[in-house]
Amino acid sequence: MTAGKNFARLDGLSAVPTALKGGVVAIGNFDGCHRGHQQVFAAARAMAAKKGVPALVLTFEPHPRDVFAPQPFLYRLTYADQKASLIEALGFDGVAVMEFSRDLASVEANDFVARYLLEALEVSGVVVGADFHFGKGRAGTPDFLMAQGEQHGFSVEICTMLDDGTETVSSSRVRDALTTGDVETANSLLGYHHFFSGTVIEGDKRGRELGYPTANMAVPQTFGLAQGIYAVKIRLDGQLFDGVAAYGKPMFDNSRPPFETFIFDFDRTIYGKTLEIALLGFIRGQMTFDGLNPLIEQMDKDSAKARIITAQARPLSELDAALGFVDGTIG
């Protein structure tokens, strides 16, 4: 599994390069690009390889559930940048990100096919999951898409939902796991170590006083990760570092906490820099302490545990290895 050398990221479908037309397109929201989504992606790549045409992903931003809500509420696993990174790592030739709006939702299903799949992309094949619907009133069902393929001469494959032996693999299950600090289950469902990114901001500098200066990142209001202490990998300017991170400040102002990362063996000022954070393990939930000395003692213990977890981390799959947060033998 290798990323394409000339991976293209398109904002919308108004100017699709000729080299990307006539391909096979996987369509969906794909929040998380979890193992169920990866089944759709694999089918699209296989169909494209058989036809000898490009393999593309068509996805949507913002998430439809946020568009129809009074204000954004969904705990997003992957925003556009993260989805693009995953799709590139999976070996696609490109991704097209369409703006989802009430206007797009009101487009009739047959018009969606004609305008976007046939005219803009000139698809030779389409692959979707069994739960994917599109168009006004969600009239674009899998059966409708199959009929459109027969009518217009493009192949259609509908992938069944992936079951891990417990229940269907879904973005909701990943979110539920992360909101309880169950990083192991979340990463298992994803097939890679969950990661997110943010810009380093100035904090209250309390960590310096405790001997643990942290890189603070503001997180979205909808960020639903369980408050607690995590072992993490950090990517900064193409370099990887190990660290321990805290989300939540039970002993201080906890109204809108940043995500705070102590980067091991690191001494640089990085305000304004973008960090990518991969979650390797959950160490403990947030606690309160009777004074700063017990807090520092616990932070020492947390750091020691994080060093062990980060040293032992191995990629969970070829995709995880391609993302480059951890290396070594898969599994």
C-alpha atoms as a PDB file:
ATOM      1  CA  MET A   1       0.000   0.000   0.000  1.00  0.00           C
ATOM      2  CA  THR A   2       1.662   3.184  -1.177  1.00  0.00           C
ATOM      3  CA  ALA A   3       0.517   6.751  -1.621  1.00  0.00           C
ATOM      4  CA  GLY A   4       0.164   7.990  -5.177  1.00  0.00           C
ATOM      5  CA  LYS A   5       3.053  10.038  -6.495  1.00  0.00           C
ATOM      6  CA  ASN A   6       0.703  12.641  -8.004  1.00  0.00           C
ATOM      7  CA  PHE A   7      -2.138  12.622  -5.512  1.00  0.00           C
ATOM      8  CA  ALA A   8      -4.678  15.347  -6.319  1.00  0.00           C
ATOM      9  CA  ARG A   9      -6.938  17.109  -3.848  1.00  0.00           C
ATOM     10  CA  LEU A  10      -9.880  18.833  -5.534  1.00  0.00           C
ATOM     11  CA  ASP A  11     -12.138  21.399  -3.899  1.00  0.00           C
ATOM     12  CA  GLY A  12     -15.383  20.561  -5.601  1.00  0.00           C
ATOM     13  CA  LEU A  13     -15.967  19.215  -9.106  1.00  0.00           C
ATOM     14  CA  SER A  14     -15.888  22.393 -11.183  1.00  0.00           C
ATOM     15  CA  ALA A  15     -12.482  21.678 -12.739  1.00  0.00           C
ATOM     16  CA  VAL A  16     -11.669  17.977 -12.698  1.00  0.00           C
ATOM     17  CA  PRO A  17      -8.353  17.307 -14.476  1.00  0.00           C
ATOM     18  CA  THR A  18      -8.685  15.216 -17.618  1.00  0.00           C
ATOM     19  CA  ALA A  19      -6.278  12.657 -16.153  1.00  0.00           C
ATOM     20  CA  LEU A  20      -8.736  11.946 -13.329  1.00  0.00           C
ATOM     21  CA  LYS A  21     -11.841  11.571 -15.471  1.00  0.00           C
ATOM     22  CA  GLY A  22     -13.204   8.178 -16.397  1.00  0.00           C
ATOM     23  CA  GLY A  23     -12.152   6.653 -13.101  1.00  0.00           C
ATOM     24  CA  VAL A  24     -13.752   4.594 -10.358  1.00  0.00           C
ATOM     25  CA  VAL A  25     -15.137   6.690  -7.508  1.00  0.00           C
ATOM     26  CA  ALA A  26     -15.802   5.687  -3.899  1.00  0.00           C
ATOM     27  CA  ILE A  27     -18.500   8.004  -2.525  1.00  0.00           C
ATOM     28  CA  GLY A  28     -19.355   8.700   1.093  1.00  0.00           C
ATOM     29  CA  ASN A  29     -18.853  10.916   4.135  1.00  0.00           C
ATOM     30  CA  PHE A  30     -16.166   8.552   5.442  1.00  0.00           C
ATOM     31  CA  ASP A  31     -15.724  10.231   8.839  1.00  0.00           C
ATOM     32  CA  GLY A  32     -12.850   8.314  10.391  1.00  0.00           C
ATOM     33  CA  CYS A  33     -12.014   6.254   7.282  1.00  0.00           C
ATOM     34  CA  HIS A  34     -12.426   3.244   9.583  1.00  0.00           C
ATOM     35  CA  ARG A  35     -12.124  -0.419   8.648  1.00  0.00           C
ATOM     36  CA  GLY A  36     -15.660  -0.490   7.232  1.00  0.00           C
ATOM     37  CA  HIS A  37     -14.842   2.442   4.973  1.00  0.00           C
ATOM     38  CA  GLN A  38     -11.562   0.785   4.050  1.00  0.00           C
ATOM     39  CA  GLN A  39     -13.574  -2.142   2.680  1.00  0.00           C
ATOM     40  CA  VAL A  40     -15.270   0.309   0.285  1.00  0.00           C
ATOM     41  CA  PHE A  41     -11.915   1.857  -0.587  1.00  0.00           C
ATOM     42  CA  ALA A  42     -10.362  -1.541  -1.331  1.00  0.00           C
ATOM     43  CA  ALA A  43     -13.250  -2.459  -3.637  1.00  0.00           C
ATOM     44  CA  ALA A  44     -12.875   0.849  -5.510  1.00  0.00           C
ATOM     45  CA  ARG A  45      -9.132   0.416  -5.942  1.00  0.00           C
ATOM     46  CA  ALA A  46      -9.614  -3.172  -7.142  1.00  0.00           C
ATOM     47  CA  MET A  47     -12.238  -2.127  -9.698  1.00  0.00           C
ATOM     48  CA  ALA A  48     -10.040   0.742 -10.913  1.00  0.00           C
ATOM     49  CA  ALA A  49      -7.043  -1.567 -11.269  1.00  0.00           C
ATOM     50  CA  LYS A  50      -9.110  -4.059 -13.265  1.00  0.00           C
ATOM     51  CA  LYS A  51     -10.332  -1.318 -15.591  1.00  0.00           C
ATOM     52  CA  GLY A  52      -6.943   0.407 -15.765  1.00  0.00           C
ATOM     53  CA  VAL A  53      -8.395   3.769 -14.722  1.00  0.00           C
ATOM     54  CA  PRO A  54      -7.809   6.247 -11.845  1.00  0.00           C
ATOM     55  CA  ALA A  55      -9.209   5.560  -8.375  1.00  0.00           C
ATOM     56  CA  LEU A  56     -10.843   8.516  -6.617  1.00  0.00           C
ATOM     57  CA  VAL A  57     -12.789   9.317  -3.477  1.00  0.00           C
ATOM     58  CA  LEU A  58     -15.694  11.777  -3.441  1.00  0.00           C
ATOM     59  CA  THR A  59     -16.527  13.052   0.024  1.00  0.00           C
ATOM     60  CA  PHE A  60     -18.328  15.965   1.647  1.00  0.00           C
ATOM     61  CA  GLU A  61     -17.618  18.806   4.081  1.00  0.00           C
ATOM     62  CA  PRO A  62     -19.035  19.804   6.463  1.00  0.00           C
ATOM     63  CA  HIS A  63     -20.713  16.656   7.723  1.00  0.00           C
ATOM     64  CA  PRO A  64     -24.398  16.565   6.682  1.00  0.00           C
ATOM     65  CA  ARG A  65     -25.543  16.098  10.278  1.00  0.00           C
ATOM     66  CA  ASP A  66     -23.959  19.437  11.198  1.00  0.00           C
ATOM     67  CA  VAL A  67     -25.578  21.208   8.234  1.00  0.00           C
ATOM     68  CA  PHE A  68     -29.074  20.295   9.387  1.00  0.00           C
ATOM     69  CA  ALA A  69     -28.409  21.028  13.076  1.00  0.00           C
ATOM     70  CA  PRO A  70     -28.845  24.522  14.627  1.00  0.00           C
ATOM     71  CA  GLN A  71     -25.089  24.537  15.230  1.00  0.00           C
ATOM     72  CA  PRO A  72     -22.237  22.036  14.752  1.00  0.00           C
ATOM     73  CA  PHE A  73     -22.560  19.269  17.325  1.00  0.00           C
ATOM     74  CA  LEU A  74     -20.918  16.163  15.912  1.00  0.00           C
ATOM     75  CA  TYR A  75     -17.644  14.922  17.382  1.00  0.00           C
ATOM     76  CA  ARG A  76     -15.700  14.634  14.138  1.00  0.00           C
ATOM     77  CA  LEU A  77     -13.065  11.920  13.812  1.00  0.00           C
ATOM     78  CA  THR A  78     -11.509  13.318  10.648  1.00  0.00           C
ATOM     79  CA  TYR A  79     -11.822  16.721   9.059  1.00  0.00           C
ATOM     80  CA  ALA A  80     -10.921  17.311   5.393  1.00  0.00           C
ATOM     81  CA  ASP A  81      -7.152  17.396   5.942  1.00  0.00           C
ATOM     82  CA  GLN A  82      -7.080  14.150   7.906  1.00  0.00           C
ATOM     83  CA  LYS A  83      -9.361  12.397   5.419  1.00  0.00           C
ATOM     84  CA  ALA A  84      -7.120  13.499   2.555  1.00  0.00           C
ATOM     85  CA  SER A  85      -4.029  12.162   4.364  1.00  0.00           C
ATOM     86  CA  LEU A  86      -5.697   8.802   4.909  1.00  0.00           C
ATOM     87  CA  ILE A  87      -7.004   8.545   1.359  1.00  0.00           C
ATOM     88  CA  GLU A  88      -3.571   9.389  -0.047  1.00  0.00           C
ATOM     89  CA  ALA A  89      -1.943   6.802   2.226  1.00  0.00           C
ATOM     90  CA  LEU A  90      -4.409   4.229   0.910  1.00  0.00           C
ATOM     91  CA  GLY A  91      -3.041   4.673  -2.596  1.00  0.00           C
ATOM     92  CA  PHE A  92      -5.787   6.635  -4.342  1.00  0.00           C
ATOM     93  CA  ASP A  93      -5.042   9.010  -7.189  1.00  0.00           C
ATOM     94  CA  GLY A  94      -7.084  11.801  -5.683  1.00  0.00           C
ATOM     95  CA  VAL A  95      -9.906  13.007  -3.478  1.00  0.00           C
ATOM     96  CA  ALA A  96     -12.627  15.511  -4.325  1.00  0.00           C
ATOM     97  CA  VAL A  97     -14.183  17.348  -1.395  1.00  0.00           C
ATOM     98  CA  MET A  98     -17.616  18.763  -2.196  1.00  0.00           C
ATOM     99  CA  GLU A  99     -19.192  21.428  -0.025  1.00  0.00           C
ATOM    100  CA  PHE A 100     -22.286  19.941   1.570  1.00  0.00           C
ATOM    101  CA  SER A 101     -25.158  22.384   1.912  1.00  0.00           C
ATOM    102  CA  ARG A 102     -28.926  22.442   1.993  1.00  0.00           C
ATOM    103  CA  ASP A 103     -28.789  23.296  -1.704  1.00  0.00           C
ATOM    104  CA  LEU A 104     -26.748  20.179  -2.484  1.00  0.00           C
ATOM    105  CA  ALA A 105     -29.110  18.108  -0.342  1.00  0.00           C
ATOM    106  CA  SER A 106     -32.038  19.353  -2.432  1.00  0.00           C
ATOM    107  CA  VAL A 107     -30.566  18.138  -5.740  1.00  0.00           C
ATOM    108  CA  GLU A 108     -32.638  15.300  -7.170  1.00  0.00           C
ATOM    109  CA  ALA A 109     -30.817  11.962  -7.169  1.00  0.00           C
ATOM    110  CA  ASN A 110     -30.901  11.603 -10.956  1.00  0.00           C
ATOM    111  CA  ASP A 111     -29.580  15.165 -11.337  1.00  0.00           C
ATOM    112  CA  PHE A 112     -26.741  14.331  -8.920  1.00  0.00           C
ATOM    113  CA  VAL A 113     -25.763  11.392 -11.104  1.00  0.00           C
ATOM    114  CA  ALA A 114     -26.004  13.406 -14.316  1.00  0.00           C
ATOM    115  CA  ARG A 115     -24.287  16.556 -13.078  1.00  0.00           C
ATOM    116  CA  TYR A 116     -21.503  15.186 -10.903  1.00  0.00           C
ATOM    117  CA  LEU A 117     -20.863  11.547 -11.755  1.00  0.00           C
ATOM    118  CA  LEU A 118     -21.408  11.655 -15.510  1.00  0.00           C
ATOM    119  CA  GLU A 119     -20.640  15.230 -16.571  1.00  0.00           C
ATOM    120  CA  ALA A 120     -17.952  16.274 -14.077  1.00  0.00           C
ATOM    121  CA  LEU A 121     -16.228  12.945 -13.386  1.00  0.00           C
ATOM    122  CA  GLU A 122     -17.247  10.800 -16.395  1.00  0.00           C
ATOM    123  CA  VAL A 123     -17.163   7.802 -14.065  1.00  0.00           C
ATOM    124  CA  SER A 124     -16.572   4.299 -15.296  1.00  0.00           C
ATOM    125  CA  GLY A 125     -17.427   2.846 -11.891  1.00  0.00           C
ATOM    126  CA  VAL A 126     -18.899   3.770  -8.510  1.00  0.00           C
ATOM    127  CA  VAL A 127     -18.468   2.008  -5.175  1.00  0.00           C
ATOM    128  CA  VAL A 128     -20.487   2.837  -2.043  1.00  0.00           C
ATOM    129  CA  GLY A 129     -21.422   1.257   1.249  1.00  0.00           C
ATOM    130  CA  ALA A 130     -24.819  -0.349   1.718  1.00  0.00           C
ATOM    131  CA  ASP A 131     -25.917   2.521   3.982  1.00  0.00           C
ATOM    132  CA  PHE A 132     -25.045   5.341   1.553  1.00  0.00           C
ATOM    133  CA  HIS A 133     -27.922   7.477   0.233  1.00  0.00           C
ATOM    134  CA  PHE A 134     -27.816  10.723  -1.717  1.00  0.00           C
ATOM    135  CA  GLY A 135     -30.056  13.300  -3.336  1.00  0.00           C
ATOM    136  CA  LYS A 136     -33.285  14.982  -2.291  1.00  0.00           C
ATOM    137  CA  GLY A 137     -35.163  12.944   0.282  1.00  0.00           C
ATOM    138  CA  ARG A 138     -32.288  10.429   0.261  1.00  0.00           C
ATOM    139  CA  ALA A 139     -33.838   8.987  -2.894  1.00  0.00           C
ATOM    140  CA  GLY A 140     -30.437   7.883  -4.189  1.00  0.00           C
ATOM    141  CA  THR A 141     -30.587   4.394  -2.705  1.00  0.00           C
ATOM    142  CA  PRO A 142     -28.178   1.580  -3.567  1.00  0.00           C
ATOM    143  CA  ASP A 143     -30.850   0.068  -5.858  1.00  0.00           C
ATOM    144  CA  PHE A 144     -31.319   3.438  -7.581  1.00  0.00           C
ATOM    145  CA  LEU A 145     -27.563   3.719  -8.119  1.00  0.00           C
ATOM    146  CA  MET A 146     -27.420   0.207  -9.586  1.00  0.00           C
ATOM    147  CA  ALA A 147     -30.199   1.115 -12.035  1.00  0.00           C
ATOM    148  CA  GLN A 148     -28.401   4.345 -13.014  1.00  0.00           C
ATOM    149  CA  GLY A 149     -25.236   2.373 -13.690  1.00  0.00           C
ATOM    150  CA  GLU A 150     -27.087  -0.010 -15.985  1.00  0.00           C
ATOM    151  CA  GLN A 151     -28.764   2.896 -17.777  1.00  0.00           C
ATOM    152  CA  HIS A 152     -25.639   5.002 -18.272  1.00  0.00           C
ATOM    153  CA  GLY A 153     -23.004   2.298 -18.637  1.00  0.00           C
ATOM    154  CA  PHE A 154     -20.920   2.550 -15.465  1.00  0.00           C
ATOM    155  CA  SER A 155     -20.177  -0.256 -13.037  1.00  0.00           C
ATOM    156  CA  VAL A 156     -21.632  -0.157  -9.521  1.00  0.00           C
ATOM    157  CA  GLU A 157     -20.561  -2.136  -6.451  1.00  0.00           C
ATOM    158  CA  ILE A 158     -22.436  -1.961  -3.161  1.00  0.00           C
ATOM    159  CA  CYS A 159     -20.318  -3.101  -0.202  1.00  0.00           C
ATOM    160  CA  THR A 160     -21.978  -4.827   2.709  1.00  0.00           C
ATOM    161  CA  MET A 161     -21.432  -3.375   6.180  1.00  0.00           C
ATOM    162  CA  LEU A 162     -18.359  -4.763   7.956  1.00  0.00           C
ATOM    163  CA  ASP A 163     -19.082  -6.674  11.161  1.00  0.00           C
ATOM    164  CA  ASP A 164     -16.232  -7.303  13.604  1.00  0.00           C
ATOM    165  CA  GLY A 165     -18.013 -10.170  15.328  1.00  0.00           C
ATOM    166  CA  THR A 166     -19.679  -7.891  17.845  1.00  0.00           C
ATOM    167  CA  GLU A 167     -21.593  -5.424  15.690  1.00  0.00           C
ATOM    168  CA  THR A 168     -21.186  -3.264  12.618  1.00  0.00           C
ATOM    169  CA  VAL A 169     -17.995  -1.217  12.440  1.00  0.00           C
ATOM    170  CA  SER A 170     -19.125   2.416  12.423  1.00  0.00           C
ATOM    171  CA  SER A 171     -17.977   5.961  13.094  1.00  0.00           C
ATOM    172  CA  SER A 172     -20.404   6.085  16.024  1.00  0.00           C
ATOM    173  CA  ARG A 173     -18.690   3.140  17.693  1.00  0.00           C
ATOM    174  CA  VAL A 174     -15.308   4.833  17.297  1.00  0.00           C
ATOM    175  CA  ARG A 175     -16.676   8.047  18.810  1.00  0.00           C
ATOM    176  CA  ASP A 176     -18.247   6.140  21.696  1.00  0.00           C
ATOM    177  CA  ALA A 177     -14.923   4.451  22.437  1.00  0.00           C
ATOM    178  CA  LEU A 178     -12.989   7.724  22.405  1.00  0.00           C
ATOM    179  CA  THR A 179     -15.494   9.470  24.654  1.00  0.00           C
ATOM    180  CA  THR A 180     -14.819   6.822  27.309  1.00  0.00           C
ATOM    181  CA  GLY A 181     -11.044   6.806  26.835  1.00  0.00           C
ATOM    182  CA  ASP A 182     -11.083   3.360  25.219  1.00  0.00           C
ATOM    183  CA  VAL A 183      -8.273   4.162  22.794  1.00  0.00           C
ATOM    184  CA  GLU A 184      -7.506   0.497  22.157  1.00  0.00           C
ATOM    185  CA  THR A 185     -11.009  -0.234  20.831  1.00  0.00           C
ATOM    186  CA  ALA A 186     -11.135   2.991  18.824  1.00  0.00           C
ATOM    187  CA  ASN A 187      -7.805   2.256  17.158  1.00  0.00           C
ATOM    188  CA  SER A 188      -8.838  -1.340  16.479  1.00  0.00           C
ATOM    189  CA  LEU A 189     -12.030  -0.191  14.732  1.00  0.00           C
ATOM    190  CA  LEU A 190     -10.100   2.396  12.754  1.00  0.00           C
ATOM    191  CA  GLY A 191      -7.266   0.063  11.807  1.00  0.00           C
ATOM    192  CA  TYR A 192      -4.755   2.802  12.632  1.00  0.00           C
ATOM    193  CA  HIS A 193      -3.848   5.051  15.551  1.00  0.00           C
ATOM    194  CA  HIS A 194      -6.390   7.856  15.771  1.00  0.00           C
ATOM    195  CA  PHE A 195      -4.815  11.229  15.065  1.00  0.00           C
ATOM    196  CA  PHE A 196      -5.823  14.867  14.931  1.00  0.00           C
ATOM    197  CA  SER A 197      -4.055  18.178  14.442  1.00  0.00           C
ATOM    198  CA  GLY A 198      -4.042  21.697  15.783  1.00  0.00           C
ATOM    199  CA  THR A 199      -2.066  24.900  16.130  1.00  0.00           C
ATOM    200  CA  VAL A 200       0.072  25.519  19.210  1.00  0.00           C
ATOM    201  CA  ILE A 201      -1.283  28.425  21.243  1.00  0.00           C
ATOM    202  CA  GLU A 202      -0.099  30.224  24.361  1.00  0.00           C
ATOM    203  CA  GLY A 203      -1.441  28.713  27.560  1.00  0.00           C
ATOM    204  CA  ASP A 204      -1.327  29.690  31.217  1.00  0.00           C
ATOM    205  CA  LYS A 205       2.284  28.417  31.420  1.00  0.00           C
ATOM    206  CA  ARG A 206       1.431  26.538  34.602  1.00  0.00           C
ATOM    207  CA  GLY A 207       3.155  23.440  33.221  1.00  0.00           C
ATOM    208  CA  ARG A 208       6.496  25.215  33.287  1.00  0.00           C
ATOM    209  CA  GLU A 209       6.112  25.815  37.003  1.00  0.00           C
ATOM    210  CA  LEU A 210       5.473  22.105  37.488  1.00  0.00           C
ATOM    211  CA  GLY A 211       8.471  21.051  35.405  1.00  0.00           C
ATOM    212  CA  TYR A 212       6.289  19.957  32.502  1.00  0.00           C
ATOM    213  CA  PRO A 213       6.101  22.696  29.862  1.00  0.00           C
ATOM    214  CA  THR A 214       3.392  21.745  27.410  1.00  0.00           C
ATOM    215  CA  ALA A 215       2.446  22.565  23.838  1.00  0.00           C
ATOM    216  CA  ASN A 216      -1.195  23.601  24.039  1.00  0.00           C
ATOM    217  CA  MET A 217      -3.710  23.147  21.232  1.00  0.00           C
ATOM    218  CA  ALA A 218      -7.200  24.597  21.132  1.00  0.00           C
ATOM    219  CA  VAL A 219      -9.722  21.906  20.182  1.00  0.00           C
ATOM    220  CA  PRO A 220     -13.138  22.252  18.539  1.00  0.00           C
ATOM    221  CA  GLN A 221     -16.116  22.827  20.789  1.00  0.00           C
ATOM    222  CA  THR A 222     -17.428  19.465  19.622  1.00  0.00           C
ATOM    223  CA  PHE A 223     -14.221  17.630  20.670  1.00  0.00           C
ATOM    224  CA  GLY A 224     -15.514  14.638  22.600  1.00  0.00           C
ATOM    225  CA  LEU A 225     -12.372  12.836  23.716  1.00  0.00           C
ATOM    226  CA  ALA A 226     -12.496  11.621  27.307  1.00  0.00           C
ATOM    227  CA  GLN A 227     -10.628  13.879  29.682  1.00  0.00           C
ATOM    228  CA  GLY A 228      -7.526  12.188  30.976  1.00  0.00           C
ATOM    229  CA  ILE A 229      -3.879  11.382  30.329  1.00  0.00           C
ATOM    230  CA  TYR A 230      -2.641   9.829  27.076  1.00  0.00           C
ATOM    231  CA  ALA A 231       0.539   8.392  25.605  1.00  0.00           C
ATOM    232  CA  VAL A 232       1.017  10.067  22.237  1.00  0.00           C
ATOM    233  CA  LYS A 233       3.199  10.417  19.197  1.00  0.00           C
ATOM    234  CA  ILE A 234       3.710  13.946  17.876  1.00  0.00           C
ATOM    235  CA  ARG A 235       4.592  14.984  14.335  1.00  0.00           C
ATOM    236  CA  LEU A 236       6.110  18.463  14.006  1.00  0.00           C
ATOM    237  CA  ASP A 237       7.666  19.745  10.779  1.00  0.00           C
ATOM    238  CA  GLY A 238       8.038  16.184   9.531  1.00  0.00           C
ATOM    239  CA  GLN A 239       9.779  14.969  12.699  1.00  0.00           C
ATOM    240  CA  LEU A 240       8.330  12.474  15.169  1.00  0.00           C
ATOM    241  CA  PHE A 241       8.481  12.771  18.936  1.00  0.00           C
ATOM    242  CA  ASP A 242       7.127  10.811  21.894  1.00  0.00           C
ATOM    243  CA  GLY A 243       5.109  12.455  24.603  1.00  0.00           C
ATOM    244  CA  VAL A 244       2.435  12.415  27.266  1.00  0.00           C
ATOM    245  CA  ALA A 245      -0.690  14.532  26.906  1.00  0.00           C
ATOM    246  CA  ALA A 246      -3.450  15.782  29.165  1.00  0.00           C
ATOM    247  CA  TYR A 247      -6.960  16.794  28.272  1.00  0.00           C
ATOM    248  CA  GLY A 248      -8.870  18.533  31.048  1.00  0.00           C
ATOM    249  CA  LYS A 249      -7.821  20.573  34.072  1.00  0.00           C
ATOM    250  CA  PRO A 250      -9.865  19.416  37.069  1.00  0.00           C
ATOM    251  CA  MET A 251      -7.705  21.355  39.549  1.00  0.00           C
ATOM    252  CA  PHE A 252      -7.883  24.592  37.569  1.00  0.00           C
ATOM    253  CA  ASP A 253     -10.254  26.239  35.075  1.00  0.00           C
ATOM    254  CA  ASN A 254     -11.821  23.293  33.230  1.00  0.00           C
ATOM    255  CA  SER A 255     -14.500  25.137  31.248  1.00  0.00           C
ATOM    256  CA  ARG A 256     -12.819  24.871  27.834  1.00  0.00           C
ATOM    257  CA  PRO A 257      -9.500  23.088  28.307  1.00  0.00           C
ATOM    258  CA  PRO A 258      -6.872  22.859  25.578  1.00  0.00           C
ATOM    259  CA  PHE A 259      -5.174  19.597  24.651  1.00  0.00           C
ATOM    260  CA  GLU A 260      -1.771  19.830  26.366  1.00  0.00           C
ATOM    261  CA  THR A 261       1.219  17.791  25.226  1.00  0.00           C
ATOM    262  CA  PHE A 262       4.525  17.395  27.022  1.00  0.00           C
ATOM    263  CA  ILE A 263       7.033  16.402  24.346  1.00  0.00           C
ATOM    264  CA  PHE A 264       9.830  14.246  25.718  1.00  0.00           C
ATOM    265  CA  ASP A 265      13.421  15.454  25.375  1.00  0.00           C
ATOM    266  CA  PHE A 266      12.333  18.659  23.637  1.00  0.00           C
ATOM    267  CA  ASP A 267      13.158  22.309  24.266  1.00  0.00           C
ATOM    268  CA  ARG A 268      11.893  24.619  21.538  1.00  0.00           C
ATOM    269  CA  THR A 269       9.392  27.460  21.283  1.00  0.00           C
ATOM    270  CA  ILE A 270       6.752  26.354  18.769  1.00  0.00           C
ATOM    271  CA  TYR A 271       3.862  28.804  19.084  1.00  0.00           C
ATOM    272  CA  GLY A 272       1.917  28.940  15.814  1.00  0.00           C
ATOM    273  CA  LYS A 273       3.236  25.574  14.637  1.00  0.00           C
ATOM    274  CA  THR A 274       0.899  22.754  13.613  1.00  0.00           C
ATOM    275  CA  LEU A 275       1.120  19.517  15.573  1.00  0.00           C
ATOM    276  CA  GLU A 276      -0.311  16.155  14.573  1.00  0.00           C
ATOM    277  CA  ILE A 277      -1.133  14.007  17.588  1.00  0.00           C
ATOM    278  CA  ALA A 278      -1.607  10.225  17.398  1.00  0.00           C
ATOM    279  CA  LEU A 279      -3.204   8.500  20.390  1.00  0.00           C
ATOM    280  CA  LEU A 280      -1.294   5.397  21.450  1.00  0.00           C
ATOM    281  CA  GLY A 281      -2.863   4.660  24.796  1.00  0.00           C
ATOM    282  CA  PHE A 282      -5.034   5.917  27.642  1.00  0.00           C
ATOM    283  CA  ILE A 283      -3.135   6.077  30.930  1.00  0.00           C
ATOM    284  CA  ARG A 284      -5.755   7.306  33.405  1.00  0.00           C
ATOM    285  CA  GLY A 285      -8.702   9.599  33.885  1.00  0.00           C
ATOM    286  CA  GLN A 286      -8.378  13.059  35.362  1.00  0.00           C
ATOM    287  CA  MET A 287      -7.800  13.308  39.117  1.00  0.00           C
ATOM    288  CA  THR A 288      -7.544  16.039  41.725  1.00  0.00           C
ATOM    289  CA  PHE A 289      -4.696  16.234  44.230  1.00  0.00           C
ATOM    290  CA  ASP A 290      -4.133  17.732  47.641  1.00  0.00           C
ATOM    291  CA  GLY A 291      -1.464  20.191  46.529  1.00  0.00           C
ATOM    292  CA  LEU A 292       1.069  20.450  43.734  1.00  0.00           C
ATOM    293  CA  ASN A 293       3.654  17.963  45.024  1.00  0.00           C
ATOM    294  CA  PRO A 294       1.309  14.950  44.744  1.00  0.00           C
ATOM    295  CA  LEU A 295       0.311  16.214  41.296  1.00  0.00           C
ATOM    296  CA  ILE A 296       3.954  16.366  40.167  1.00  0.00           C
ATOM    297  CA  GLU A 297       4.609  12.876  41.569  1.00  0.00           C
ATOM    298  CA  GLN A 298       1.688  11.535  39.548  1.00  0.00           C
ATOM    299  CA  MET A 299       2.882  13.345  36.425  1.00  0.00           C
ATOM    300  CA  ASP A 300       6.249  11.636  36.829  1.00  0.00           C
ATOM    301  CA  LYS A 301       4.500   8.258  36.962  1.00  0.00           C
ATOM    302  CA  ASP A 302       2.364   9.125  33.929  1.00  0.00           C
ATOM    303  CA  SER A 303       5.422  10.132  31.930  1.00  0.00           C
ATOM    304  CA  ALA A 304       7.175   6.880  32.783  1.00  0.00           C
ATOM    305  CA  LYS A 305       4.158   4.875  31.604  1.00  0.00           C
ATOM    306  CA  ALA A 306       3.904   6.935  28.424  1.00  0.00           C
ATOM    307  CA  ARG A 307       7.556   6.286  27.602  1.00  0.00           C
ATOM    308  CA  ILE A 308       6.940   2.538  27.863  1.00  0.00           C
ATOM    309  CA  ILE A 309       3.793   2.691  25.702  1.00  0.00           C
ATOM    310  CA  THR A 310       5.407   4.819  22.995  1.00  0.00           C
ATOM    311  CA  ALA A 311       8.522   2.626  22.924  1.00  0.00           C
ATOM    312  CA  GLN A 312       6.416  -0.519  22.451  1.00  0.00           C
ATOM    313  CA  ALA A 313       4.002   0.905  19.854  1.00  0.00           C
ATOM    314  CA  ARG A 314       3.724  -0.950  16.562  1.00  0.00           C
ATOM    315  CA  PRO A 315       1.613  -0.194  13.453  1.00  0.00           C
ATOM    316  CA  LEU A 316      -1.792  -1.871  13.410  1.00  0.00           C
ATOM    317  CA  SER A 317      -1.965  -2.251   9.626  1.00  0.00           C
ATOM    318  CA  GLU A 318      -0.300  -1.274   6.368  1.00  0.00           C
ATOM    319  CA  LEU A 319      -2.322   1.952   6.484  1.00  0.00           C
ATOM    320  CA  ASP A 320      -1.028   2.691   9.974  1.00  0.00           C
ATOM    321  CA  ALA A 321       2.518   2.083   8.785  1.00  0.00           C
ATOM    322  CA  ALA A 322       1.966   4.365   5.783  1.00  0.00           C
ATOM    323  CA  LEU A 323       0.778   7.182   8.058  1.00  0.00           C
ATOM    324  CA  GLY A 324       4.199   7.044   9.699  1.00  0.00           C
ATOM    325  CA  PHE A 325       3.430   7.725  13.352  1.00  0.00           C
ATOM    326  CA  VAL A 326       4.786   4.341  14.456  1.00  0.00           C
ATOM    327  CA  ASP A 327       7.101   1.902  12.750  1.00  0.00           C
ATOM    328  CA  GLY A 328       8.144  -1.710  13.131  1.00  0.00           C
ATOM    329  CA  THR A 329       6.393  -5.032  12.567  1.00  0.00           C
ATOM    330  CA  ILE A 330       2.645  -4.734  12.007  1.00  0.00           C
ATOM    331  CA  GLY A 331       0.558  -5.840  14.944  1.00  0.00           C
END
